[in-house]
Protein backbone atom coordinates (compact mmCIF):
# COMPACT_ATOMS: atom_id res chain seq x y z
CA MET A 1 115.24 70.80 85.57
CA LYS A 2 111.55 71.21 84.76
CA ILE A 3 109.49 74.16 85.94
CA GLY A 4 108.11 72.18 88.90
CA ASP A 5 111.64 71.42 90.06
CA LEU A 6 112.64 75.08 89.74
CA SER A 7 109.50 76.02 91.63
CA LYS A 8 110.38 73.73 94.52
CA LEU A 9 114.06 74.70 94.55
CA THR A 10 113.32 78.43 94.67
CA GLN A 11 110.02 78.25 96.57
CA THR A 12 108.36 80.19 93.76
CA GLN A 13 104.98 79.36 92.31
CA VAL A 14 104.97 78.06 88.74
CA GLU A 15 102.71 80.89 87.58
CA THR A 16 105.12 83.44 89.06
CA ILE A 17 108.02 81.87 87.15
CA ARG A 18 106.01 82.04 83.92
CA TYR A 19 105.07 85.66 84.68
CA TYR A 20 108.73 86.63 85.15
CA GLU A 21 109.48 84.96 81.82
CA ARG A 22 106.70 86.92 80.08
CA GLU A 23 108.01 90.12 81.66
CA GLY A 24 111.51 89.39 80.34
CA LEU A 25 113.09 89.13 83.79
CA LEU A 26 113.91 85.44 83.31
CA PRO A 27 115.32 84.27 79.99
CA LYS A 28 113.21 81.85 78.01
CA PRO A 29 114.32 78.32 78.83
CA ALA A 30 115.21 75.66 76.33
CA ARG A 31 112.50 73.14 75.54
CA THR A 32 112.50 69.38 75.26
CA GLU A 33 111.17 67.52 72.25
CA GLY A 34 107.95 67.16 74.27
CA ASN A 35 107.88 71.00 74.61
CA TYR A 36 108.65 71.00 78.36
CA ARG A 37 110.63 73.95 79.67
CA ILE A 38 114.12 72.99 80.83
CA TYR A 39 115.80 75.33 83.31
CA GLY A 40 119.42 75.51 84.38
CA HIS A 41 121.36 76.72 87.38
CA GLY A 42 121.47 80.24 85.90
CA HIS A 43 117.67 80.41 85.93
CA ALA A 44 117.61 79.42 89.61
CA GLU A 45 120.24 82.05 90.51
CA ARG A 46 118.42 84.78 88.58
CA LEU A 47 115.09 83.82 90.10
CA ALA A 48 116.64 83.93 93.59
CA PHE A 49 117.95 87.44 92.79
CA ILE A 50 114.50 88.57 91.61
CA ARG A 51 112.80 87.10 94.68
CA HIS A 52 115.31 88.81 96.98
CA CYS A 53 114.57 92.14 95.29
CA ARG A 54 110.81 91.53 95.55
CA GLY A 55 111.31 90.75 99.24
CA LEU A 56 112.83 94.23 99.54
CA ASP A 57 109.60 95.60 97.99
CA MET A 58 111.26 96.59 94.74
CA THR A 59 109.13 97.05 91.66
CA LEU A 60 109.59 95.05 88.49
CA ILE A 61 110.91 98.20 86.83
CA GLU A 62 113.57 98.57 89.52
CA ILE A 63 114.44 94.87 89.27
CA ARG A 64 114.73 95.13 85.49
CA GLN A 65 117.19 98.00 85.92
CA LEU A 66 119.23 96.04 88.46
CA LEU A 67 119.28 93.01 86.18
CA HIS A 68 120.59 95.22 83.38
CA PHE A 69 123.63 96.05 85.49
CA LYS A 70 123.98 92.47 86.68
CA ASP A 71 124.11 91.44 83.02
CA ALA A 72 126.62 94.22 82.19
CA PRO A 73 129.21 93.94 84.99
CA GLN A 74 131.64 96.28 83.20
CA GLU A 75 129.28 99.26 83.57
CA ASN A 76 129.53 101.79 86.37
CA CYS A 77 127.16 101.06 89.25
CA GLY A 78 126.34 104.70 90.02
CA GLU A 79 122.81 104.18 88.70
CA VAL A 80 122.41 101.17 90.99
CA ASN A 81 123.29 103.40 93.94
CA ALA A 82 120.83 106.06 92.76
CA LEU A 83 118.11 103.44 92.30
CA LEU A 84 118.61 102.16 95.83
CA ASP A 85 118.66 105.70 97.24
CA ALA A 86 115.33 106.41 95.51
CA HIS A 87 113.89 103.14 96.80
CA ILE A 88 114.94 104.04 100.34
CA GLY A 89 113.05 107.32 99.89
CA HIS A 90 109.94 105.39 98.85
CA VAL A 91 110.25 103.18 101.93
CA VAL A 92 110.62 106.21 104.21
CA ALA A 93 107.46 107.75 102.70
CA ARG A 94 105.59 104.48 103.11
CA ILE A 95 106.62 104.22 106.76
CA ARG A 96 105.34 107.77 107.28
CA GLU A 97 101.99 106.77 105.71
CA LEU A 98 101.81 103.64 107.85
CA ARG A 99 102.45 105.67 111.02
CA ALA A 100 99.61 108.03 110.05
CA LEU A 101 97.39 105.01 109.46
CA GLU A 102 98.32 103.55 112.85
CA LYS A 103 97.47 106.87 114.52
CA GLU A 104 94.10 107.02 112.79
CA LEU A 105 93.27 103.41 113.67
CA LYS A 106 94.17 104.00 117.33
CA ALA A 107 91.96 107.09 117.40
CA LEU A 108 89.17 105.07 115.82
CA ARG A 109 89.64 102.33 118.40
CA GLU A 110 89.17 104.92 121.15
CA CYS A 111 85.65 105.55 119.83
CA CYS A 112 84.47 102.27 121.37
CA ARG A 113 86.22 101.31 124.61
CA GLU A 114 83.89 98.44 125.51
CA ALA A 115 81.77 95.92 123.68
CA LEU A 116 78.28 97.29 123.08
CA GLN A 117 75.44 96.47 120.77
CA ALA A 118 76.56 97.12 117.20
CA ALA A 119 73.89 99.85 116.94
CA ASN A 120 75.80 101.80 119.63
CA CYS A 121 79.35 101.02 118.45
CA GLY A 122 81.43 104.17 118.27
CA ILE A 123 83.75 102.66 115.66
CA LEU A 124 80.89 101.80 113.30
CA SER A 125 79.37 105.23 113.92
CA GLU A 126 82.64 107.01 113.16
CA LEU A 127 83.22 104.94 110.02
CA SER A 128 79.73 105.87 108.83
CA ARG A 129 80.42 109.60 109.04
CA PRO A 130 81.36 111.38 105.83
CA LEU A 131 85.13 111.52 105.38
CA GLU A 132 85.27 115.33 105.36
CA ARG A 133 83.65 115.46 108.83
CA ARG A 134 86.20 113.12 110.45
CA ALA A 135 88.87 114.91 112.44
CA GLY A 136 92.47 114.09 111.55
CA SER A 137 91.52 111.49 108.98
CA ILE A 138 93.97 110.43 106.33
CA THR A 139 92.44 110.68 102.89
CA GLY A 140 93.44 107.45 101.24
CA HIS A 141 94.34 103.85 101.68
CA VAL A 142 97.96 103.17 102.50
CA HIS A 143 99.55 101.16 99.72
CA ARG A 144 102.85 100.95 97.93
CA THR A 145 104.31 104.39 97.61
CA HIS A 146 105.38 103.92 94.01
CA SER A 147 103.94 101.99 91.12
CA GLY A 148 105.39 99.31 88.93
């Protein structure tokens, strides 16, 4: 199948498929005489695996490690277990950050209980205060807990 067919089958954008190829997560496909990529069932299965992992918020580094073990089924999966345990720890930390963010946003919302002129909006006023003067403020934007 051509890249557009793989894209439709797996509900993955063409650019994402190309990116996974560049990153070495998907093997390079064969090419036609006209230089079109030709993908097989194995590409679709591997792409589905990658997308499932991404849906679980795994990094490309983690996915690459999992694919290593998927490609070497004779190896012991202890490292797979350790990888998942570490990922669970990242998720727990992220949930903790999100709860702190929710608390801060709710406190901020309490600064303006009714619609007023923007000049008198407690939320805008609070957001304009220097960060160090805000009580109970978290210091950074909540984002993925680990990189990759």
